[in-house]
Amino acid sequence: RRIIEHTPMARFGDPDDLVGTLLWLCSDASRFVTGIVVPV
């Protein structure tokens, strides 16, 4: 409950929510991106 109250989107993540960020980081779409940590 405390986690959900502290999450503005008011839900737990779905595993599929990670896929778009992963594909971005793995692909040429992020070819000038290195050394970052992306919160999802």
PDB file of all heavy atoms in Angstrom:
ATOM      1  N   ARG A   1       0.836  -1.207   0.000  1.00  0.00           N
ATOM      2  CA  ARG A   1       0.000   0.000   0.000  1.00  0.00           C
ATOM      3  C   ARG A   1       0.865   1.249   0.000  1.00  0.00           C
ATOM      4  O   ARG A   1       0.594   2.213  -0.737  1.00  0.00           O
ATOM      5  CB  ARG A   1      -0.934  -0.015   1.224  1.00  0.00           C
ATOM      6  CG  ARG A   1      -1.796   1.235   1.358  1.00  0.00           C
ATOM      7  CD  ARG A   1      -2.562   1.218   2.672  1.00  0.00           C
ATOM      8  NE  ARG A   1      -1.695   1.066   3.821  1.00  0.00           N
ATOM      9  CZ  ARG A   1      -0.937   2.039   4.336  1.00  0.00           C
ATOM     10  NH1 ARG A   1      -0.953   3.257   3.787  1.00  0.00           N
ATOM     11  NH2 ARG A   1      -0.197   1.819   5.400  1.00  0.00           N
ATOM     12  N   ARG A   2       1.905   1.251   0.810  1.00  0.00           N
ATOM     13  CA  ARG A   2       2.783   2.422   0.877  1.00  0.00           C
ATOM     14  C   ARG A   2       3.510   2.656  -0.450  1.00  0.00           C
ATOM     15  O   ARG A   2       3.738   3.793  -0.860  1.00  0.00           O
ATOM     16  CB  ARG A   2       3.775   2.263   2.029  1.00  0.00           C
ATOM     17  CG  ARG A   2       3.128   2.534   3.405  1.00  0.00           C
ATOM     18  CD  ARG A   2       4.144   2.441   4.515  1.00  0.00           C
ATOM     19  NE  ARG A   2       4.475   1.068   4.832  1.00  0.00           N
ATOM     20  CZ  ARG A   2       5.694   0.643   5.161  1.00  0.00           C
ATOM     21  NH1 ARG A   2       6.698   1.493   5.186  1.00  0.00           N
ATOM     22  NH2 ARG A   2       5.906  -0.617   5.459  1.00  0.00           N
ATOM     23  N   ILE A   3       3.870   1.576  -1.117  1.00  0.00           N
ATOM     24  CA  ILE A   3       4.516   1.712  -2.423  1.00  0.00           C
ATOM     25  C   ILE A   3       3.563   2.336  -3.440  1.00  0.00           C
ATOM     26  O   ILE A   3       3.927   3.264  -4.174  1.00  0.00           O
ATOM     27  CB  ILE A   3       5.016   0.337  -2.911  1.00  0.00           C
ATOM     28  CG1 ILE A   3       6.240  -0.087  -2.090  1.00  0.00           C
ATOM     29  CG2 ILE A   3       5.345   0.371  -4.405  1.00  0.00           C
ATOM     30  CD1 ILE A   3       6.637  -1.531  -2.286  1.00  0.00           C
ATOM     31  N   ILE A   4       2.350   1.834  -3.503  1.00  0.00           N
ATOM     32  CA  ILE A   4       1.369   2.373  -4.452  1.00  0.00           C
ATOM     33  C   ILE A   4       1.072   3.837  -4.144  1.00  0.00           C
ATOM     34  O   ILE A   4       0.950   4.670  -5.058  1.00  0.00           O
ATOM     35  CB  ILE A   4       0.075   1.541  -4.434  1.00  0.00           C
ATOM     36  CG1 ILE A   4       0.359   0.120  -4.956  1.00  0.00           C
ATOM     37  CG2 ILE A   4      -1.005   2.205  -5.274  1.00  0.00           C
ATOM     38  CD1 ILE A   4       0.884   0.064  -6.380  1.00  0.00           C
ATOM     39  N   GLU A   5       0.982   4.175  -2.874  1.00  0.00           N
ATOM     40  CA  GLU A   5       0.738   5.568  -2.491  1.00  0.00           C
ATOM     41  C   GLU A   5       1.881   6.473  -2.926  1.00  0.00           C
ATOM     42  O   GLU A   5       1.679   7.672  -3.153  1.00  0.00           O
ATOM     43  CB  GLU A   5       0.548   5.664  -0.972  1.00  0.00           C
ATOM     44  CG  GLU A   5      -0.769   5.087  -0.487  1.00  0.00           C
ATOM     45  CD  GLU A   5      -0.871   5.088   1.028  1.00  0.00           C
ATOM     46  OE1 GLU A   5       0.164   5.372   1.700  1.00  0.00           O
ATOM     47  OE2 GLU A   5      -1.966   4.798   1.557  1.00  0.00           O
ATOM     48  N   HIS A   6       3.080   5.913  -3.053  1.00  0.00           N
ATOM     49  CA  HIS A   6       4.249   6.703  -3.426  1.00  0.00           C
ATOM     50  C   HIS A   6       4.554   6.593  -4.928  1.00  0.00           C
ATOM     51  O   HIS A   6       5.568   7.099  -5.396  1.00  0.00           O
ATOM     52  CB  HIS A   6       5.476   6.261  -2.629  1.00  0.00           C
ATOM     53  CG  HIS A   6       6.524   7.324  -2.510  1.00  0.00           C
ATOM     54  ND1 HIS A   6       6.569   8.207  -1.449  1.00  0.00           N
ATOM     55  CD2 HIS A   6       7.551   7.671  -3.314  1.00  0.00           C
ATOM     56  CE1 HIS A   6       7.595   9.038  -1.609  1.00  0.00           C
ATOM     57  NE2 HIS A   6       8.207   8.733  -2.744  1.00  0.00           N
ATOM     58  N   THR A   7       3.679   5.934  -5.669  1.00  0.00           N
ATOM     59  CA  THR A   7       3.857   5.788  -7.112  1.00  0.00           C
ATOM     60  C   THR A   7       2.800   6.615  -7.813  1.00  0.00           C
ATOM     61  O   THR A   7       1.615   6.270  -7.777  1.00  0.00           O
ATOM     62  CB  THR A   7       3.737   4.307  -7.535  1.00  0.00           C
ATOM     63  OG1 THR A   7       4.714   3.528  -6.823  1.00  0.00           O
ATOM     64  CG2 THR A   7       3.945   4.144  -9.035  1.00  0.00           C
ATOM     65  N   PRO A   8       3.151   7.739  -8.439  1.00  0.00           N
ATOM     66  CA  PRO A   8       2.146   8.606  -9.050  1.00  0.00           C
ATOM     67  C   PRO A   8       1.204   7.895 -10.020  1.00  0.00           C
ATOM     68  O   PRO A   8       0.028   8.261 -10.120  1.00  0.00           O
ATOM     69  CB  PRO A   8       2.996   9.671  -9.771  1.00  0.00           C
ATOM     70  CG  PRO A   8       4.228   9.771  -8.926  1.00  0.00           C
ATOM     71  CD  PRO A   8       4.497   8.358  -8.486  1.00  0.00           C
ATOM     72  N   MET A   9       1.671   6.879 -10.730  1.00  0.00           N
ATOM     73  CA  MET A   9       0.806   6.164 -11.651  1.00  0.00           C
ATOM     74  C   MET A   9      -0.079   5.139 -10.951  1.00  0.00           C
ATOM     75  O   MET A   9      -0.922   4.483 -11.576  1.00  0.00           O
ATOM     76  CB  MET A   9       1.624   5.510 -12.767  1.00  0.00           C
ATOM     77  CG  MET A   9       2.270   6.542 -13.686  1.00  0.00           C
ATOM     78  SD  MET A   9       3.090   5.832 -15.131  1.00  0.00           S
ATOM     79  CE  MET A   9       1.659   5.354 -16.114  1.00  0.00           C
ATOM     80  N   ALA A  10       0.103   4.997  -9.631  1.00  0.00           N
ATOM     81  CA  ALA A  10      -0.809   4.249  -8.752  1.00  0.00           C
ATOM     82  C   ALA A  10      -1.017   2.794  -9.164  1.00  0.00           C
ATOM     83  O   ALA A  10      -2.122   2.258  -9.081  1.00  0.00           O
ATOM     84  CB  ALA A  10      -2.159   4.969  -8.663  1.00  0.00           C
ATOM     85  N   ARG A  11       0.045   2.144  -9.596  1.00  0.00           N
ATOM     86  CA  ARG A  11      -0.041   0.708  -9.896  1.00  0.00           C
ATOM     87  C   ARG A  11       1.354   0.110  -9.865  1.00  0.00           C
ATOM     88  O   ARG A  11       2.358   0.820  -9.920  1.00  0.00           O
ATOM     89  CB  ARG A  11      -0.680   0.459 -11.263  1.00  0.00           C
ATOM     90  CG  ARG A  11       0.143   0.929 -12.475  1.00  0.00           C
ATOM     91  CD  ARG A  11      -0.493   0.474 -13.768  1.00  0.00           C
ATOM     92  NE  ARG A  11       0.172   0.957 -14.966  1.00  0.00           N
ATOM     93  CZ  ARG A  11       1.196   0.352 -15.572  1.00  0.00           C
ATOM     94  NH1 ARG A  11       1.710  -0.760 -15.046  1.00  0.00           N
ATOM     95  NH2 ARG A  11       1.719   0.862 -16.681  1.00  0.00           N
ATOM     96  N   PHE A  12       1.402  -1.221  -9.780  1.00  0.00           N
ATOM     97  CA  PHE A  12       2.658  -1.919  -9.977  1.00  0.00           C
ATOM     98  C   PHE A  12       2.948  -1.986 -11.474  1.00  0.00           C
ATOM     99  O   PHE A  12       2.061  -1.900 -12.316  1.00  0.00           O
ATOM    100  CB  PHE A  12       2.587  -3.341  -9.409  1.00  0.00           C
ATOM    101  CG  PHE A  12       2.434  -3.399  -7.915  1.00  0.00           C
ATOM    102  CD1 PHE A  12       1.354  -4.035  -7.340  1.00  0.00           C
ATOM    103  CD2 PHE A  12       3.382  -2.823  -7.084  1.00  0.00           C
ATOM    104  CE1 PHE A  12       1.205  -4.096  -5.968  1.00  0.00           C
ATOM    105  CE2 PHE A  12       3.255  -2.879  -5.702  1.00  0.00           C
ATOM    106  CZ  PHE A  12       2.158  -3.520  -5.145  1.00  0.00           C
ATOM    107  N   GLY A  13       4.221  -2.154 -11.807  1.00  0.00           N
ATOM    108  CA  GLY A  13       4.587  -2.286 -13.198  1.00  0.00           C
ATOM    109  C   GLY A  13       4.169  -3.631 -13.768  1.00  0.00           C
ATOM    110  O   GLY A  13       4.059  -4.631 -13.047  1.00  0.00           O
ATOM    111  N   ASP A  14       3.935  -3.639 -15.067  1.00  0.00           N
ATOM    112  CA  ASP A  14       3.718  -4.868 -15.815  1.00  0.00           C
ATOM    113  C   ASP A  14       5.037  -5.212 -16.499  1.00  0.00           C
ATOM    114  O   ASP A  14       5.715  -4.311 -17.013  1.00  0.00           O
ATOM    115  CB  ASP A  14       2.609  -4.663 -16.856  1.00  0.00           C
ATOM    116  CG  ASP A  14       2.290  -5.934 -17.606  1.00  0.00           C
ATOM    117  OD1 ASP A  14       3.064  -6.256 -18.542  1.00  0.00           O
ATOM    118  OD2 ASP A  14       1.295  -6.590 -17.286  1.00  0.00           O
ATOM    119  N   PRO A  15       5.436  -6.476 -16.542  1.00  0.00           N
ATOM    120  CA  PRO A  15       6.711  -6.812 -17.170  1.00  0.00           C
ATOM    121  C   PRO A  15       6.884  -6.245 -18.578  1.00  0.00           C
ATOM    122  O   PRO A  15       7.994  -5.865 -18.971  1.00  0.00           O
ATOM    123  CB  PRO A  15       6.705  -8.344 -17.178  1.00  0.00           C
ATOM    124  CG  PRO A  15       5.903  -8.701 -15.968  1.00  0.00           C
ATOM    125  CD  PRO A  15       4.814  -7.655 -15.900  1.00  0.00           C
ATOM    126  N   ASP A  16       5.805  -6.138 -19.333  1.00  0.00           N
ATOM    127  CA  ASP A  16       5.898  -5.576 -20.682  1.00  0.00           C
ATOM    128  C   ASP A  16       6.291  -4.098 -20.668  1.00  0.00           C
ATOM    129  O   ASP A  16       6.734  -3.568 -21.695  1.00  0.00           O
ATOM    130  CB  ASP A  16       4.569  -5.746 -21.421  1.00  0.00           C
ATOM    131  CG  ASP A  16       4.356  -7.179 -21.893  1.00  0.00           C
ATOM    132  OD1 ASP A  16       5.354  -7.893 -22.103  1.00  0.00           O
ATOM    133  OD2 ASP A  16       3.194  -7.586 -22.052  1.00  0.00           O
ATOM    134  N   ASP A  17       6.134  -3.435 -19.515  1.00  0.00           N
ATOM    135  CA  ASP A  17       6.496  -2.021 -19.432  1.00  0.00           C
ATOM    136  C   ASP A  17       8.000  -1.802 -19.601  1.00  0.00           C
ATOM    137  O   ASP A  17       8.446  -0.681 -19.863  1.00  0.00           O
ATOM    138  CB  ASP A  17       6.060  -1.435 -18.082  1.00  0.00           C
ATOM    139  CG  ASP A  17       4.550  -1.382 -17.921  1.00  0.00           C
ATOM    140  OD1 ASP A  17       3.847  -1.314 -18.947  1.00  0.00           O
ATOM    141  OD2 ASP A  17       4.069  -1.408 -16.767  1.00  0.00           O
ATOM    142  N   LEU A  18       8.790  -2.846 -19.443  1.00  0.00           N
ATOM    143  CA  LEU A  18      10.238  -2.725 -19.554  1.00  0.00           C
ATOM    144  C   LEU A  18      10.732  -2.857 -20.990  1.00  0.00           C
ATOM    145  O   LEU A  18      11.856  -2.446 -21.306  1.00  0.00           O
ATOM    146  CB  LEU A  18      10.920  -3.801 -18.701  1.00  0.00           C
ATOM    147  CG  LEU A  18      10.689  -3.728 -17.193  1.00  0.00           C
ATOM    148  CD1 LEU A  18      11.257  -4.974 -16.525  1.00  0.00           C
ATOM    149  CD2 LEU A  18      11.331  -2.476 -16.616  1.00  0.00           C
ATOM    150  N   VAL A  19       9.903  -3.432 -21.852  1.00  0.00           N
ATOM    151  CA  VAL A  19      10.386  -3.822 -23.172  1.00  0.00           C
ATOM    152  C   VAL A  19      10.785  -2.626 -24.026  1.00  0.00           C
ATOM    153  O   VAL A  19      11.829  -2.628 -24.687  1.00  0.00           O
ATOM    154  CB  VAL A  19       9.335  -4.693 -23.889  1.00  0.00           C
ATOM    155  CG1 VAL A  19       9.737  -4.946 -25.343  1.00  0.00           C
ATOM    156  CG2 VAL A  19       9.162  -6.014 -23.155  1.00  0.00           C
ATOM    157  N   GLY A  20       9.983  -1.561 -24.042  1.00  0.00           N
ATOM    158  CA  GLY A  20      10.301  -0.406 -24.868  1.00  0.00           C
ATOM    159  C   GLY A  20      11.634   0.221 -24.504  1.00  0.00           C
ATOM    160  O   GLY A  20      12.436   0.573 -25.377  1.00  0.00           O
ATOM    161  N   THR A  21      11.891   0.357 -23.202  1.00  0.00           N
ATOM    162  CA  THR A  21      13.163   0.922 -22.754  1.00  0.00           C
ATOM    163  C   THR A  21      14.318   0.015 -23.148  1.00  0.00           C
ATOM    164  O   THR A  21      15.382   0.478 -23.589  1.00  0.00           O
ATOM    165  CB  THR A  21      13.143   1.127 -21.229  1.00  0.00           C
ATOM    166  OG1 THR A  21      12.072   1.999 -20.894  1.00  0.00           O
ATOM    167  CG2 THR A  21      14.453   1.720 -20.745  1.00  0.00           C
ATOM    168  N   LEU A  22      14.137  -1.298 -23.001  1.00  0.00           N
ATOM    169  CA  LEU A  22      15.182  -2.239 -23.385  1.00  0.00           C
ATOM    170  C   LEU A  22      15.506  -2.126 -24.870  1.00  0.00           C
ATOM    171  O   LEU A  22      16.685  -2.051 -25.259  1.00  0.00           O
ATOM    172  CB  LEU A  22      14.753  -3.666 -23.049  1.00  0.00           C
ATOM    173  CG  LEU A  22      15.719  -4.762 -23.505  1.00  0.00           C
ATOM    174  CD1 LEU A  22      17.014  -4.683 -22.715  1.00  0.00           C
ATOM    175  CD2 LEU A  22      15.078  -6.129 -23.369  1.00  0.00           C
ATOM    176  N   LEU A  23      14.481  -2.107 -25.710  1.00  0.00           N
ATOM    177  CA  LEU A  23      14.722  -2.037 -27.154  1.00  0.00           C
ATOM    178  C   LEU A  23      15.408  -0.732 -27.531  1.00  0.00           C
ATOM    179  O   LEU A  23      16.264  -0.700 -28.423  1.00  0.00           O
ATOM    180  CB  LEU A  23      13.410  -2.200 -27.917  1.00  0.00           C
ATOM    181  CG  LEU A  23      12.697  -3.546 -27.744  1.00  0.00           C
ATOM    182  CD1 LEU A  23      11.473  -3.606 -28.640  1.00  0.00           C
ATOM    183  CD2 LEU A  23      13.634  -4.717 -28.021  1.00  0.00           C
ATOM    184  N   TRP A  24      15.025   0.350 -26.885  1.00  0.00           N
ATOM    185  CA  TRP A  24      15.695   1.629 -27.135  1.00  0.00           C
ATOM    186  C   TRP A  24      17.181   1.534 -26.807  1.00  0.00           C
ATOM    187  O   TRP A  24      18.039   1.919 -27.610  1.00  0.00           O
ATOM    188  CB  TRP A  24      15.024   2.729 -26.298  1.00  0.00           C
ATOM    189  CG  TRP A  24      15.733   4.047 -26.344  1.00  0.00           C
ATOM    190  CD1 TRP A  24      16.000   4.812 -27.452  1.00  0.00           C
ATOM    191  CD2 TRP A  24      16.295   4.758 -25.229  1.00  0.00           C
ATOM    192  NE1 TRP A  24      16.675   5.962 -27.088  1.00  0.00           N
ATOM    193  CE2 TRP A  24      16.868   5.950 -25.735  1.00  0.00           C
ATOM    194  CE3 TRP A  24      16.338   4.510 -23.864  1.00  0.00           C
ATOM    195  CZ2 TRP A  24      17.489   6.887 -24.908  1.00  0.00           C
ATOM    196  CZ3 TRP A  24      16.964   5.437 -23.041  1.00  0.00           C
ATOM    197  CH2 TRP A  24      17.525   6.615 -23.562  1.00  0.00           C
ATOM    198  N   LEU A  25      17.510   0.992 -25.638  1.00  0.00           N
ATOM    199  CA  LEU A  25      18.905   0.926 -25.213  1.00  0.00           C
ATOM    200  C   LEU A  25      19.723  -0.053 -26.050  1.00  0.00           C
ATOM    201  O   LEU A  25      20.946   0.111 -26.180  1.00  0.00           O
ATOM    202  CB  LEU A  25      18.988   0.539 -23.734  1.00  0.00           C
ATOM    203  CG  LEU A  25      18.489   1.582 -22.738  1.00  0.00           C
ATOM    204  CD1 LEU A  25      18.525   1.017 -21.320  1.00  0.00           C
ATOM    205  CD2 LEU A  25      19.313   2.870 -22.819  1.00  0.00           C
ATOM    206  N   CYS A  26      19.074  -1.068 -26.607  1.00  0.00           N
ATOM    207  CA  CYS A  26      19.788  -2.077 -27.386  1.00  0.00           C
ATOM    208  C   CYS A  26      19.957  -1.690 -28.845  1.00  0.00           C
ATOM    209  O   CYS A  26      20.747  -2.320 -29.565  1.00  0.00           O
ATOM    210  CB  CYS A  26      19.047  -3.415 -27.319  1.00  0.00           C
ATOM    211  SG  CYS A  26      19.127  -4.225 -25.707  1.00  0.00           S
ATOM    212  N   SER A  27      19.234  -0.695 -29.298  1.00  0.00           N
ATOM    213  CA  SER A  27      19.161  -0.403 -30.725  1.00  0.00           C
ATOM    214  C   SER A  27      19.901   0.880 -31.091  1.00  0.00           C
ATOM    215  O   SER A  27      20.408   1.615 -30.243  1.00  0.00           O
ATOM    216  CB  SER A  27      17.688  -0.263 -31.141  1.00  0.00           C
ATOM    217  OG  SER A  27      17.137   0.925 -30.598  1.00  0.00           O
ATOM    218  N   ASP A  28      19.916   1.161 -32.400  1.00  0.00           N
ATOM    219  CA  ASP A  28      20.545   2.386 -32.891  1.00  0.00           C
ATOM    220  C   ASP A  28      19.797   3.642 -32.459  1.00  0.00           C
ATOM    221  O   ASP A  28      20.328   4.750 -32.604  1.00  0.00           O
ATOM    222  CB  ASP A  28      20.634   2.350 -34.415  1.00  0.00           C
ATOM    223  CG  ASP A  28      21.651   1.344 -34.908  1.00  0.00           C
ATOM    224  OD1 ASP A  28      22.499   0.906 -34.104  1.00  0.00           O
ATOM    225  OD2 ASP A  28      21.592   0.972 -36.096  1.00  0.00           O
ATOM    226  N   ALA A  29      18.589   3.478 -31.946  1.00  0.00           N
ATOM    227  CA  ALA A  29      17.832   4.641 -31.470  1.00  0.00           C
ATOM    228  C   ALA A  29      18.549   5.335 -30.318  1.00  0.00           C
ATOM    229  O   ALA A  29      18.312   6.517 -30.055  1.00  0.00           O
ATOM    230  CB  ALA A  29      16.422   4.222 -31.050  1.00  0.00           C
ATOM    231  N   SER A  30      19.435   4.626 -29.626  1.00  0.00           N
ATOM    232  CA  SER A  30      20.177   5.219 -28.496  1.00  0.00           C
ATOM    233  C   SER A  30      21.680   5.181 -28.752  1.00  0.00           C
ATOM    234  O   SER A  30      22.466   5.065 -27.814  1.00  0.00           O
ATOM    235  CB  SER A  30      19.855   4.482 -27.200  1.00  0.00           C
ATOM    236  OG  SER A  30      20.271   3.127 -27.277  1.00  0.00           O
ATOM    237  N   ARG A  31      22.095   5.321 -29.993  1.00  0.00           N
ATOM    238  CA  ARG A  31      23.496   5.081 -30.355  1.00  0.00           C
ATOM    239  C   ARG A  31      24.471   6.059 -29.717  1.00  0.00           C
ATOM    240  O   ARG A  31      25.676   5.795 -29.693  1.00  0.00           O
ATOM    241  CB  ARG A  31      23.651   5.089 -31.874  1.00  0.00           C
ATOM    242  CG  ARG A  31      23.330   6.430 -32.530  1.00  0.00           C
ATOM    243  CD  ARG A  31      23.308   6.291 -34.042  1.00  0.00           C
ATOM    244  NE  ARG A  31      23.045   7.582 -34.678  1.00  0.00           N
ATOM    245  CZ  ARG A  31      22.854   7.709 -35.991  1.00  0.00           C
ATOM    246  NH1 ARG A  31      22.887   6.636 -36.764  1.00  0.00           N
ATOM    247  NH2 ARG A  31      22.628   8.896 -36.500  1.00  0.00           N
ATOM    248  N   PHE A  32      23.996   7.194 -29.190  1.00  0.00           N
ATOM    249  CA  PHE A  32      24.874   8.152 -28.514  1.00  0.00           C
ATOM    250  C   PHE A  32      24.557   8.207 -27.017  1.00  0.00           C
ATOM    251  O   PHE A  32      24.828   9.189 -26.346  1.00  0.00           O
ATOM    252  CB  PHE A  32      24.735   9.542 -29.150  1.00  0.00           C
ATOM    253  CG  PHE A  32      25.866  10.494 -28.834  1.00  0.00           C
ATOM    254  CD1 PHE A  32      27.182  10.124 -29.025  1.00  0.00           C
ATOM    255  CD2 PHE A  32      25.607  11.767 -28.341  1.00  0.00           C
ATOM    256  CE1 PHE A  32      28.226  10.997 -28.727  1.00  0.00           C
ATOM    257  CE2 PHE A  32      26.638  12.651 -28.037  1.00  0.00           C
ATOM    258  CZ  PHE A  32      27.956  12.253 -28.239  1.00  0.00           C
ATOM    259  N   VAL A  33      23.993   7.129 -26.503  1.00  0.00           N
ATOM    260  CA  VAL A  33      23.610   7.053 -25.090  1.00  0.00           C
ATOM    261  C   VAL A  33      24.440   5.973 -24.414  1.00  0.00           C
ATOM    262  O   VAL A  33      24.400   4.805 -24.800  1.00  0.00           O
ATOM    263  CB  VAL A  33      22.112   6.720 -24.940  1.00  0.00           C
ATOM    264  CG1 VAL A  33      21.751   6.558 -23.458  1.00  0.00           C
ATOM    265  CG2 VAL A  33      21.248   7.791 -25.592  1.00  0.00           C
ATOM    266  N   THR A  34      25.196   6.361 -23.410  1.00  0.00           N
ATOM    267  CA  THR A  34      25.943   5.382 -22.617  1.00  0.00           C
ATOM    268  C   THR A  34      26.156   5.938 -21.212  1.00  0.00           C
ATOM    269  O   THR A  34      26.227   7.157 -21.010  1.00  0.00           O
ATOM    270  CB  THR A  34      27.283   5.027 -23.292  1.00  0.00           C
ATOM    271  OG1 THR A  34      27.818   3.831 -22.697  1.00  0.00           O
ATOM    272  CG2 THR A  34      28.304   6.149 -23.188  1.00  0.00           C
ATOM    273  N   GLY A  35      26.228   5.031 -20.246  1.00  0.00           N
ATOM    274  CA  GLY A  35      26.501   5.421 -18.864  1.00  0.00           C
ATOM    275  C   GLY A  35      25.306   5.938 -18.094  1.00  0.00           C
ATOM    276  O   GLY A  35      25.473   6.651 -17.098  1.00  0.00           O
ATOM    277  N   ILE A  36      24.080   5.571 -18.506  1.00  0.00           N
ATOM    278  CA  ILE A  36      22.898   6.054 -17.789  1.00  0.00           C
ATOM    279  C   ILE A  36      22.130   4.903 -17.161  1.00  0.00           C
ATOM    280  O   ILE A  36      22.255   3.744 -17.574  1.00  0.00           O
ATOM    281  CB  ILE A  36      21.949   6.867 -18.698  1.00  0.00           C
ATOM    282  CG1 ILE A  36      21.292   5.976 -19.753  1.00  0.00           C
ATOM    283  CG2 ILE A  36      22.675   8.032 -19.335  1.00  0.00           C
ATOM    284  CD1 ILE A  36      20.132   6.647 -20.480  1.00  0.00           C
ATOM    285  N   VAL A  37      21.337   5.241 -16.166  1.00  0.00           N
ATOM    286  CA  VAL A  37      20.406   4.311 -15.532  1.00  0.00           C
ATOM    287  C   VAL A  37      19.002   4.877 -15.734  1.00  0.00           C
ATOM    288  O   VAL A  37      18.712   5.984 -15.282  1.00  0.00           O
ATOM    289  CB  VAL A  37      20.705   4.146 -14.025  1.00  0.00           C
ATOM    290  CG1 VAL A  37      19.688   3.209 -13.388  1.00  0.00           C
ATOM    291  CG2 VAL A  37      22.129   3.621 -13.822  1.00  0.00           C
ATOM    292  N   VAL A  38      18.159   4.127 -16.421  1.00  0.00           N
ATOM    293  CA  VAL A  38      16.824   4.600 -16.773  1.00  0.00           C
ATOM    294  C   VAL A  38      15.795   4.012 -15.800  1.00  0.00           C
ATOM    295  O   VAL A  38      15.595   2.796 -15.774  1.00  0.00           O
ATOM    296  CB  VAL A  38      16.444   4.205 -18.209  1.00  0.00           C
ATOM    297  CG1 VAL A  38      15.080   4.792 -18.581  1.00  0.00           C
ATOM    298  CG2 VAL A  38      17.511   4.662 -19.196  1.00  0.00           C
ATOM    299  N   PRO A  39      15.116   4.852 -15.001  1.00  0.00           N
ATOM    300  CA  PRO A  39      14.060   4.325 -14.134  1.00  0.00           C
ATOM    301  C   PRO A  39      12.796   4.037 -14.932  1.00  0.00           C
ATOM    302  O   PRO A  39      12.377   4.842 -15.765  1.00  0.00           O
ATOM    303  CB  PRO A  39      13.824   5.454 -13.126  1.00  0.00           C
ATOM    304  CG  PRO A  39      14.263   6.690 -13.836  1.00  0.00           C
ATOM    305  CD  PRO A  39      15.334   6.292 -14.802  1.00  0.00           C
ATOM    306  N   VAL A  40      12.233   2.870 -14.703  1.00  0.00           N
ATOM    307  CA  VAL A  40      10.930   2.507 -15.281  1.00  0.00           C
ATOM    308  C   VAL A  40      10.052   2.173 -14.078  1.00  0.00           C
ATOM    309  O   VAL A  40       9.949   1.036 -13.644  1.00  0.00           O
ATOM    310  CB  VAL A  40      11.045   1.320 -16.249  1.00  0.00           C
ATOM    311  CG1 VAL A  40       9.683   1.001 -16.870  1.00  0.00           C
ATOM    312  CG2 VAL A  40      12.075   1.617 -17.340  1.00  0.00           C
TER     313      VAL A  40
END
